[in-house]
C-alpha atoms as a PDB file:
ATOM      1  CA  MET A   1      78.220 113.114 103.160  1.00  0.00           C
ATOM      2  CA  ILE A   2      80.132 109.865 103.674  1.00  0.00           C
ATOM      3  CA  ALA A   3      83.887 109.447 103.202  1.00  0.00           C
ATOM      4  CA  CYS A   4      85.923 106.270 102.860  1.00  0.00           C
ATOM      5  CA  ILE A   5      89.543 106.397 104.040  1.00  0.00           C
ATOM      6  CA  VAL A   6      91.723 103.775 102.336  1.00  0.00           C
ATOM      7  CA  SER A   7      95.086 103.323 104.042  1.00  0.00           C
ATOM      8  CA  GLY A   8      98.301 101.739 102.868  1.00  0.00           C
ATOM      9  CA  PRO A   9     100.190  99.119 104.895  1.00  0.00           C
ATOM     10  CA  GLY A  10     102.481 101.669 106.577  1.00  0.00           C
ATOM     11  CA  ALA A  11      99.930 104.386 107.342  1.00  0.00           C
ATOM     12  CA  PRO A  12     100.265 105.395 111.049  1.00  0.00           C
ATOM     13  CA  ASP A  13      97.135 105.046 113.182  1.00  0.00           C
ATOM     14  CA  GLU A  14      97.472 108.652 114.353  1.00  0.00           C
ATOM     15  CA  VAL A  15      97.266 109.920 110.753  1.00  0.00           C
ATOM     16  CA  LYS A  16      94.158 107.812 110.076  1.00  0.00           C
ATOM     17  CA  LYS A  17      92.554 109.104 113.268  1.00  0.00           C
ATOM     18  CA  ARG A  18      93.476 112.687 112.392  1.00  0.00           C
ATOM     19  CA  ALA A  19      91.900 112.370 108.938  1.00  0.00           C
ATOM     20  CA  GLU A  20      88.686 111.035 110.479  1.00  0.00           C
ATOM     21  CA  GLU A  21      88.602 113.876 113.003  1.00  0.00           C
ATOM     22  CA  ILE A  22      89.044 116.507 110.270  1.00  0.00           C
ATOM     23  CA  PHE A  23      86.160 115.030 108.275  1.00  0.00           C
ATOM     24  CA  ALA A  24      84.044 114.852 111.457  1.00  0.00           C
ATOM     25  CA  GLN A  25      84.626 118.559 112.100  1.00  0.00           C
ATOM     26  CA  HIS A  26      82.816 119.196 108.817  1.00  0.00           C
ATOM     27  CA  GLY A  27      79.979 116.808 109.628  1.00  0.00           C
ATOM     28  CA  VAL A  28      81.248 114.048 107.337  1.00  0.00           C
ATOM     29  CA  GLU A  29      80.771 110.423 108.399  1.00  0.00           C
ATOM     30  CA  CYS A  30      83.825 108.178 107.828  1.00  0.00           C
ATOM     31  CA  TRP A  31      84.583 104.520 107.428  1.00  0.00           C
ATOM     32  CA  HIS A  32      87.931 102.799 106.922  1.00  0.00           C
ATOM     33  CA  ALA A  33      89.324 100.188 104.544  1.00  0.00           C
ATOM     34  CA  THR A  34      92.811  98.956 103.723  1.00  0.00           C
ATOM     35  CA  ARG A  35      94.158  98.886 100.193  1.00  0.00           C
ATOM     36  CA  ASP A  36      94.172  95.073 100.288  1.00  0.00           C
ATOM     37  CA  HIS A  37      90.495  94.800 101.270  1.00  0.00           C
ATOM     38  CA  ALA A  38      88.482  92.477  99.028  1.00  0.00           C
ATOM     39  CA  GLU A  39      86.296  94.703  96.876  1.00  0.00           C
ATOM     40  CA  THR A  40      83.306  92.378  97.207  1.00  0.00           C
ATOM     41  CA  ALA A  41      83.404  92.776 100.994  1.00  0.00           C
ATOM     42  CA  ILE A  42      83.008  96.572 100.849  1.00  0.00           C
ATOM     43  CA  ALA A  43      81.002  97.046  97.633  1.00  0.00           C
ATOM     44  CA  SER A  44      77.748  97.864  99.443  1.00  0.00           C
ATOM     45  CA  ARG A  45      79.446 100.567 101.534  1.00  0.00           C
ATOM     46  CA  LEU A  46      81.186 102.033  98.501  1.00  0.00           C
ATOM     47  CA  ALA A  47      77.784 102.432  96.830  1.00  0.00           C
ATOM     48  CA  LYS A  48      76.882 104.967  99.536  1.00  0.00           C
ATOM     49  CA  THR A  49      80.251 106.769  99.601  1.00  0.00           C
ATOM     50  CA  ASP A  50      80.661 110.362  98.346  1.00  0.00           C
ATOM     51  CA  VAL A  51      84.451 110.778  98.500  1.00  0.00           C
ATOM     52  CA  LEU A  52      87.379 108.389  98.854  1.00  0.00           C
ATOM     53  CA  MET A  53      90.680 109.425 100.448  1.00  0.00           C
ATOM     54  CA  THR A  54      93.883 107.403 100.203  1.00  0.00           C
ATOM     55  CA  LEU A  55      96.608 107.580 102.860  1.00  0.00           C
ATOM     56  CA  GLY A  56      99.835 106.084 101.537  1.00  0.00           C
ATOM     57  CA  GLY A  57     102.000 106.085  98.443  1.00  0.00           C
ATOM     58  CA  ASP A  58     101.217 105.705  94.761  1.00  0.00           C
ATOM     59  CA  GLY A  59     100.324 102.023  95.242  1.00  0.00           C
ATOM     60  CA  THR A  60      97.560 102.984  97.673  1.00  0.00           C
ATOM     61  CA  PHE A  61      96.352 105.681  95.268  1.00  0.00           C
ATOM     62  CA  LEU A  62      96.127 103.070  92.489  1.00  0.00           C
ATOM     63  CA  ALA A  63      94.134 100.759  94.767  1.00  0.00           C
ATOM     64  CA  GLY A  64      91.789 103.630  95.622  1.00  0.00           C
ATOM     65  CA  ALA A  65      91.377 104.433  91.927  1.00  0.00           C
ATOM     66  CA  ARG A  66      90.190 100.899  91.189  1.00  0.00           C
ATOM     67  CA  LEU A  67      87.523 101.275  93.875  1.00  0.00           C
ATOM     68  CA  ALA A  68      86.477 104.858  93.148  1.00  0.00           C
ATOM     69  CA  GLY A  69      86.729 105.177  89.363  1.00  0.00           C
ATOM     70  CA  PRO A  70      84.049 102.752  88.135  1.00  0.00           C
ATOM     71  CA  ARG A  71      81.641 104.094  90.784  1.00  0.00           C
ATOM     72  CA  GLY A  72      82.144 107.762  89.962  1.00  0.00           C
ATOM     73  CA  ILE A  73      83.493 108.559  93.452  1.00  0.00           C
ATOM     74  CA  PRO A  74      85.932 111.520  93.594  1.00  0.00           C
ATOM     75  CA  LEU A  75      89.399 110.468  94.791  1.00  0.00           C
ATOM     76  CA  LEU A  76      91.620 112.526  97.099  1.00  0.00           C
ATOM     77  CA  GLY A  77      95.191 111.253  97.543  1.00  0.00           C
ATOM     78  CA  VAL A  78      97.442 112.101 100.497  1.00  0.00           C
ATOM     79  CA  ASN A  79     101.060 111.017 100.162  1.00  0.00           C
ATOM     80  CA  LEU A  80     102.690 109.125 103.026  1.00  0.00           C
ATOM     81  CA  GLY A  81     105.156 107.301 100.780  1.00  0.00           C
ATOM     82  CA  ARG A  82     108.469 108.217  99.183  1.00  0.00           C
ATOM     83  CA  LEU A  83     107.617 109.365  95.652  1.00  0.00           C
ATOM     84  CA  GLY A  84     103.949 110.325  95.698  1.00  0.00           C
ATOM     85  CA  PHE A  85     103.818 111.311  92.031  1.00  0.00           C
ATOM     86  CA  LEU A  86     100.093 110.599  91.634  1.00  0.00           C
ATOM     87  CA  THR A  87      98.990 112.373  94.804  1.00  0.00           C
ATOM     88  CA  GLU A  88      98.899 116.122  95.248  1.00  0.00           C
ATOM     89  CA  LEU A  89      98.759 116.523  99.034  1.00  0.00           C
ATOM     90  CA  GLU A  90     101.451 115.743 101.581  1.00  0.00           C
ATOM     91  CA  GLU A  91     100.647 114.726 105.170  1.00  0.00           C
ATOM     92  CA  ASP A  92     100.977 118.276 106.520  1.00  0.00           C
ATOM     93  CA  GLN A  93      98.354 119.439 103.984  1.00  0.00           C
ATOM     94  CA  LEU A  94      95.713 116.991 105.192  1.00  0.00           C
ATOM     95  CA  GLU A  95      93.540 119.573 106.936  1.00  0.00           C
ATOM     96  CA  THR A  96      93.703 122.204 104.188  1.00  0.00           C
ATOM     97  CA  GLY A  97      92.914 119.531 101.596  1.00  0.00           C
ATOM     98  CA  VAL A  98      89.802 118.223 103.345  1.00  0.00           C
ATOM     99  CA  THR A  99      88.594 121.751 104.100  1.00  0.00           C
ATOM    100  CA  GLY A 100      89.200 122.837 100.502  1.00  0.00           C
ATOM    101  CA  PHE A 101      87.211 119.883  99.176  1.00  0.00           C
ATOM    102  CA  ILE A 102      84.272 120.452 101.547  1.00  0.00           C
ATOM    103  CA  GLU A 103      84.179 124.151 100.676  1.00  0.00           C
ATOM    104  CA  GLY A 104      84.361 123.450  96.952  1.00  0.00           C
ATOM    105  CA  LYS A 105      87.780 125.043  96.483  1.00  0.00           C
ATOM    106  CA  HIS A 106      88.981 122.326  94.149  1.00  0.00           C
ATOM    107  CA  ARG A 107      88.672 121.080  90.607  1.00  0.00           C
ATOM    108  CA  ILE A 108      88.029 117.617  89.184  1.00  0.00           C
ATOM    109  CA  GLU A 109      90.640 116.123  86.867  1.00  0.00           C
ATOM    110  CA  GLU A 110      89.452 113.124  84.859  1.00  0.00           C
ATOM    111  CA  ARG A 111      91.725 110.178  84.090  1.00  0.00           C
ATOM    112  CA  THR A 112      91.169 107.158  81.828  1.00  0.00           C
ATOM    113  CA  ILE A 113      90.833 103.761  83.500  1.00  0.00           C
ATOM    114  CA  LEU A 114      92.053 100.676  81.653  1.00  0.00           C
ATOM    115  CA  GLN A 115      90.004  97.488  81.653  1.00  0.00           C
ATOM    116  CA  VAL A 116      91.607  94.234  80.553  1.00  0.00           C
ATOM    117  CA  GLU A 117      89.959  90.966  79.584  1.00  0.00           C
ATOM    118  CA  LEU A 118      91.896  87.708  79.256  1.00  0.00           C
ATOM    119  CA  LEU A 119      90.199  85.468  76.700  1.00  0.00           C
ATOM    120  CA  ARG A 120      90.857  81.788  76.080  1.00  0.00           C
ATOM    121  CA  GLY A 121      88.976  80.933  72.941  1.00  0.00           C
ATOM    122  CA  SER A 122      85.455  82.292  73.417  1.00  0.00           C
ATOM    123  CA  ARG A 123      85.699  82.100  77.221  1.00  0.00           C
ATOM    124  CA  ARG A 124      86.643  85.052  79.418  1.00  0.00           C
ATOM    125  CA  VAL A 125      89.168  83.780  81.954  1.00  0.00           C
ATOM    126  CA  ALA A 126      89.739  87.004  83.881  1.00  0.00           C
ATOM    127  CA  ARG A 127      88.867  90.672  83.952  1.00  0.00           C
ATOM    128  CA  SER A 128      90.905  93.395  85.684  1.00  0.00           C
ATOM    129  CA  MET A 129      91.000  97.174  85.946  1.00  0.00           C
ATOM    130  CA  GLY A 130      93.890  99.554  86.454  1.00  0.00           C
ATOM    131  CA  LEU A 131      94.773 103.221  86.316  1.00  0.00           C
ATOM    132  CA  ASN A 132      98.346 102.795  85.054  1.00  0.00           C
ATOM    133  CA  GLU A 133      98.925  99.803  82.810  1.00  0.00           C
ATOM    134  CA  VAL A 134      98.776  96.141  81.979  1.00  0.00           C
ATOM    135  CA  VAL A 135     102.110  94.379  81.517  1.00  0.00           C
ATOM    136  CA  VAL A 136     102.325  91.144  79.527  1.00  0.00           C
ATOM    137  CA  ASP A 137     105.809  89.679  79.743  1.00  0.00           C
ATOM    138  CA  ARG A 138     107.379  86.310  79.161  1.00  0.00           C
ATOM    139  CA  ALA A 139     107.126  83.710  81.874  1.00  0.00           C
ATOM    140  CA  GLU A 140     110.275  83.114  83.896  1.00  0.00           C
ATOM    141  CA  ASP A 141     111.760  80.342  81.742  1.00  0.00           C
ATOM    142  CA  ALA A 142     110.083  81.213  78.439  1.00  0.00           C
ATOM    143  CA  ARG A 143     111.646  82.382  75.198  1.00  0.00           C
ATOM    144  CA  MET A 144     110.938  85.765  73.692  1.00  0.00           C
ATOM    145  CA  LEU A 145     107.213  86.347  73.193  1.00  0.00           C
ATOM    146  CA  ARG A 146     105.585  86.744  69.803  1.00  0.00           C
ATOM    147  CA  VAL A 147     102.542  89.018  70.025  1.00  0.00           C
ATOM    148  CA  GLN A 148     100.051  89.938  67.315  1.00  0.00           C
ATOM    149  CA  ILE A 149      98.555  93.413  67.754  1.00  0.00           C
ATOM    150  CA  GLU A 150      95.183  94.661  66.535  1.00  0.00           C
ATOM    151  CA  VAL A 151      93.630  98.070  67.140  1.00  0.00           C
ATOM    152  CA  GLY A 152      90.014  98.882  66.374  1.00  0.00           C
ATOM    153  CA  GLY A 153      89.682  95.579  64.514  1.00  0.00           C
ATOM    154  CA  GLN A 154      92.639  96.357  62.231  1.00  0.00           C
ATOM    155  CA  GLY A 155      95.907  94.461  62.232  1.00  0.00           C
ATOM    156  CA  VAL A 156      98.896  96.533  63.335  1.00  0.00           C
ATOM    157  CA  GLY A 157     101.626  93.919  63.230  1.00  0.00           C
ATOM    158  CA  VAL A 158     103.418  91.068  64.952  1.00  0.00           C
ATOM    159  CA  ILE A 159     106.365  91.722  67.253  1.00  0.00           C
ATOM    160  CA  ASP A 160     108.952  89.621  69.064  1.00  0.00           C
ATOM    161  CA  ALA A 161     109.826  91.064  72.475  1.00  0.00           C
ATOM    162  CA  ASP A 162     110.251  90.255  76.157  1.00  0.00           C
ATOM    163  CA  GLY A 163     106.803  91.718  76.652  1.00  0.00           C
ATOM    164  CA  VAL A 164     104.325  94.484  75.899  1.00  0.00           C
ATOM    165  CA  ILE A 165     102.916  97.289  78.049  1.00  0.00           C
ATOM    166  CA  VAL A 166      99.559  98.923  77.342  1.00  0.00           C
ATOM    167  CA  ALA A 167      99.283 102.081  79.431  1.00  0.00           C
ATOM    168  CA  THR A 168      96.947 104.998  79.988  1.00  0.00           C
ATOM    169  CA  ALA A 169      98.211 108.575  79.903  1.00  0.00           C
ATOM    170  CA  THR A 170      98.440 108.386  83.711  1.00  0.00           C
ATOM    171  CA  GLY A 171     100.572 105.256  83.410  1.00  0.00           C
ATOM    172  CA  SER A 172     102.883 106.856  80.850  1.00  0.00           C
ATOM    173  CA  THR A 173     105.023 108.158  83.744  1.00  0.00           C
ATOM    174  CA  ALA A 174     105.255 104.740  85.421  1.00  0.00           C
ATOM    175  CA  TYR A 175     106.591 101.433  84.034  1.00  0.00           C
ATOM    176  CA  ALA A 176     106.011 102.576  80.440  1.00  0.00           C
ATOM    177  CA  LEU A 177     108.399 105.493  80.985  1.00  0.00           C
ATOM    178  CA  ALA A 178     111.045 103.200  82.506  1.00  0.00           C
ATOM    179  CA  THR A 179     110.984 101.049  79.349  1.00  0.00           C
ATOM    180  CA  GLY A 180     111.417 103.988  76.973  1.00  0.00           C
ATOM    181  CA  GLY A 181     107.870 105.183  76.358  1.00  0.00           C
ATOM    182  CA  PRO A 182     106.825 108.838  75.931  1.00  0.00           C
ATOM    183  CA  ILE A 183     105.238 111.048  78.595  1.00  0.00           C
ATOM    184  CA  LEU A 184     101.579 111.891  77.945  1.00  0.00           C
ATOM    185  CA  GLU A 185      99.639 114.666  79.650  1.00  0.00           C
ATOM    186  CA  PRO A 186      97.551 112.678  82.163  1.00  0.00           C
ATOM    187  CA  THR A 187      94.061 113.831  81.152  1.00  0.00           C
ATOM    188  CA  LEU A 188      94.487 112.547  77.567  1.00  0.00           C
ATOM    189  CA  ARG A 189      92.259 109.617  76.620  1.00  0.00           C
ATOM    190  CA  ASP A 190      94.856 107.929  74.375  1.00  0.00           C
ATOM    191  CA  LEU A 191      96.292 104.484  75.075  1.00  0.00           C
ATOM    192  CA  LEU A 192     100.006 103.804  74.736  1.00  0.00           C
ATOM    193  CA  LEU A 193     101.697 100.589  73.628  1.00  0.00           C
ATOM    194  CA  VAL A 194     105.340 100.071  74.612  1.00  0.00           C
ATOM    195  CA  PRO A 195     107.273  96.955  73.496  1.00  0.00           C
ATOM    196  CA  MET A 196     109.721  95.633  76.105  1.00  0.00           C
ATOM    197  CA  ASN A 197     113.180  94.883  74.672  1.00  0.00           C
ATOM    198  CA  PRO A 198     111.912  94.191  71.130  1.00  0.00           C
ATOM    199  CA  PHE A 199     114.046  92.029  68.835  1.00  0.00           C
ATOM    200  CA  ALA A 200     113.690  94.487  65.906  1.00  0.00           C
ATOM    201  CA  LEU A 201     115.226  97.928  66.466  1.00  0.00           C
ATOM    202  CA  THR A 202     112.477  99.484  64.327  1.00  0.00           C
ATOM    203  CA  VAL A 203     109.745  98.493  66.804  1.00  0.00           C
ATOM    204  CA  ARG A 204     109.010 101.577  68.886  1.00  0.00           C
ATOM    205  CA  PRO A 205     106.258 102.797  71.266  1.00  0.00           C
ATOM    206  CA  ILE A 206     103.055 103.927  69.612  1.00  0.00           C
ATOM    207  CA  VAL A 207     100.154 106.079  70.847  1.00  0.00           C
ATOM    208  CA  PHE A 208      96.648 105.086  69.735  1.00  0.00           C
ATOM    209  CA  SER A 209      93.691 107.446  69.515  1.00  0.00           C
ATOM    210  CA  PRO A 210      90.929 107.176  72.147  1.00  0.00           C
ATOM    211  CA  GLN A 211      88.013 104.772  72.350  1.00  0.00           C
ATOM    212  CA  GLN A 212      89.746 101.931  70.515  1.00  0.00           C
ATOM    213  CA  ASP A 213      90.370  98.448  71.867  1.00  0.00           C
ATOM    214  CA  ILE A 214      93.939  97.164  71.719  1.00  0.00           C
ATOM    215  CA  VAL A 215      93.966  93.380  71.267  1.00  0.00           C
ATOM    216  CA  LEU A 216      97.104  91.370  72.038  1.00  0.00           C
ATOM    217  CA  SER A 217      97.154  87.766  70.793  1.00  0.00           C
ATOM    218  CA  ILE A 218      99.910  85.579  72.195  1.00  0.00           C
ATOM    219  CA  VAL A 219     101.296  83.729  69.174  1.00  0.00           C
ATOM    220  CA  ARG A 220     104.212  82.285  71.147  1.00  0.00           C
ATOM    221  CA  GLY A 221     104.307  82.140  74.937  1.00  0.00           C
ATOM    222  CA  PRO A 222     103.824  81.393  77.726  1.00  0.00           C
ATOM    223  CA  ALA A 223     103.447  84.788  79.391  1.00  0.00           C
ATOM    224  CA  GLU A 224     102.307  86.456  82.579  1.00  0.00           C
ATOM    225  CA  MET A 225      99.930  89.385  82.993  1.00  0.00           C
ATOM    226  CA  ARG A 226      99.999  92.046  85.727  1.00  0.00           C
ATOM    227  CA  VAL A 227      97.751  95.084  86.103  1.00  0.00           C
ATOM    228  CA  ASP A 228      99.100  98.119  87.987  1.00  0.00           C
ATOM    229  CA  GLY A 229     102.081  96.153  89.257  1.00  0.00           C
ATOM    230  CA  GLY A 230     100.023  93.525  91.052  1.00  0.00           C
ATOM    231  CA  ARG A 231     102.070  91.251  93.249  1.00  0.00           C
ATOM    232  CA  ARG A 232     100.547  88.105  91.807  1.00  0.00           C
ATOM    233  CA  GLY A 233     100.550  87.725  88.055  1.00  0.00           C
ATOM    234  CA  ARG A 234      98.107  85.682  86.015  1.00  0.00           C
ATOM    235  CA  ALA A 235      99.319  83.000  83.609  1.00  0.00           C
ATOM    236  CA  VAL A 236      98.742  83.681  79.914  1.00  0.00           C
ATOM    237  CA  ALA A 237      99.062  80.736  77.528  1.00  0.00           C
ATOM    238  CA  THR A 238      99.964  80.573  73.861  1.00  0.00           C
ATOM    239  CA  GLY A 239      96.764  81.262  71.932  1.00  0.00           C
ATOM    240  CA  ASP A 240      95.268  83.513  74.616  1.00  0.00           C
ATOM    241  CA  THR A 241      94.049  87.005  73.784  1.00  0.00           C
ATOM    242  CA  LEU A 242      94.045  90.173  75.885  1.00  0.00           C
ATOM    243  CA  ARG A 243      91.537  92.887  75.084  1.00  0.00           C
ATOM    244  CA  CYS A 244      92.573  96.272  76.524  1.00  0.00           C
ATOM    245  CA  SER A 245      90.022  99.077  76.407  1.00  0.00           C
ATOM    246  CA  PRO A 246      89.119 102.310  78.195  1.00  0.00           C
ATOM    247  CA  HIS A 247      86.478 101.932  80.892  1.00  0.00           C
ATOM    248  CA  PRO A 248      83.222 103.780  80.107  1.00  0.00           C
ATOM    249  CA  ARG A 249      83.724 105.881  83.258  1.00  0.00           C
ATOM    250  CA  ARG A 250      86.754 108.046  83.935  1.00  0.00           C
ATOM    251  CA  LEU A 251      88.360 108.474  87.344  1.00  0.00           C
ATOM    252  CA  LYS A 252      87.575 111.777  89.075  1.00  0.00           C
ATOM    253  CA  VAL A 253      90.707 113.040  90.846  1.00  0.00           C
ATOM    254  CA  ILE A 254      90.386 115.953  93.299  1.00  0.00           C
ATOM    255  CA  ARG A 255      92.975 118.624  92.541  1.00  0.00           C
ATOM    256  CA  PHE A 256      93.681 122.020  94.101  1.00  0.00           C
ATOM    257  CA  GLY A 257      96.471 123.382  91.907  1.00  0.00           C
ATOM    258  CA  PRO A 258      96.198 124.360  88.226  1.00  0.00           C
ATOM    259  CA  PRO A 259      96.595 121.728  85.459  1.00  0.00           C
ATOM    260  CA  GLU A 260     100.141 122.896  84.727  1.00  0.00           C
ATOM    261  CA  ASP A 261     101.207 121.604  88.164  1.00  0.00           C
ATOM    262  CA  PHE A 262     101.690 118.278  86.369  1.00  0.00           C
ATOM    263  CA  TYR A 263     104.835 119.679  84.736  1.00  0.00           C
ATOM    264  CA  ARG A 264     106.107 120.973  88.067  1.00  0.00           C
ATOM    265  CA  ARG A 265     105.695 117.480  89.542  1.00  0.00           C
ATOM    266  CA  LEU A 266     107.628 116.041  86.587  1.00  0.00           C
ATOM    267  CA  GLY A 267     110.560 118.201  87.624  1.00  0.00           C
ATOM    268  CA  ASP A 268     110.191 117.864  91.393  1.00  0.00           C
ATOM    269  CA  LYS A 269     109.507 114.132  91.535  1.00  0.00           C
ATOM    270  CA  LEU A 270     111.129 112.706  88.391  1.00  0.00           C
ATOM    271  CA  GLY A 271     113.788 115.313  87.663  1.00  0.00           C
ATOM    272  CA  TRP A 272     112.511 115.938  84.116  1.00  0.00           C
ATOM    273  CA  GLY A 273     113.912 119.117  82.571  1.00  0.00           C
ATOM    274  CA  ARG A 274     116.426 119.609  85.366  1.00  0.00           C
ATOM    275  CA  PRO A 275     119.939 120.059  83.885  1.00  0.00           C
ATOM    276  CA  LEU A 276     122.628 117.625  85.021  1.00  0.00           C
ATOM    277  CA  VAL A 277     125.087 120.533  85.087  1.00  0.00           C
ATOM    278  CA  PRO A 278     123.887 123.609  87.066  1.00  0.00           C
ATOM    279  CA  MET A 279     122.965 126.560  84.878  1.00  0.00           C
ATOM    280  CA  LYS A 280     125.253 129.586  85.128  1.00  0.00           C
END
């Protein structure tokens, strides 16, 4: 068995070394990558990898998901960040997590991956993948965007807004939640569309059934596109189209607790369902 350890920018060397030693104790060969590694540079090694571990926060987990998901590699996240909503293990659970995976004392939780194509006429300008969402918002000095929305080849409508988010169920607890979207159970295959500061009060988030492409046509721009909160956005011009669809493969996330742990994390990490006034 071969494991890849993907570390975030603040991951201590001693934690990376400890993770490698724990894998080695079980006869697992390891290699290391950073979350900012160019995918093309490590693609051949990923093809021979059996499990991918991330050491860092949710940003590192998202980077690991983009590497692991399309290749069918199980992903094990260890939180070294502040929130760690996507990961299940904390640093002090590193050894028990690796041992549990090797001994088969885990389950696989599948998550939808979003793939996004930016089209300019008949030409594909860019293609990106993300676990959480794609955000299309107005460029810095632009007016409100006008976006035409189609789903499954059918027209849904035209909206005026600062932007639009298309999110997976996993991403429903990220930026989509901050802009007023609903929380979806993370294993659902549905895609979620959340308008950002829409001009019409009647425009509200909408959940679309699985296996349908969501097409966003920029009627009035310009705009900028970011996938999973990428630091560098990509320019989107008036007339461009974004095709958002579920990737044929789903991400395999290694979990040790029961599925209902998701609701516990909602309370522990996000404070959902916790009364503002203590209960008597």
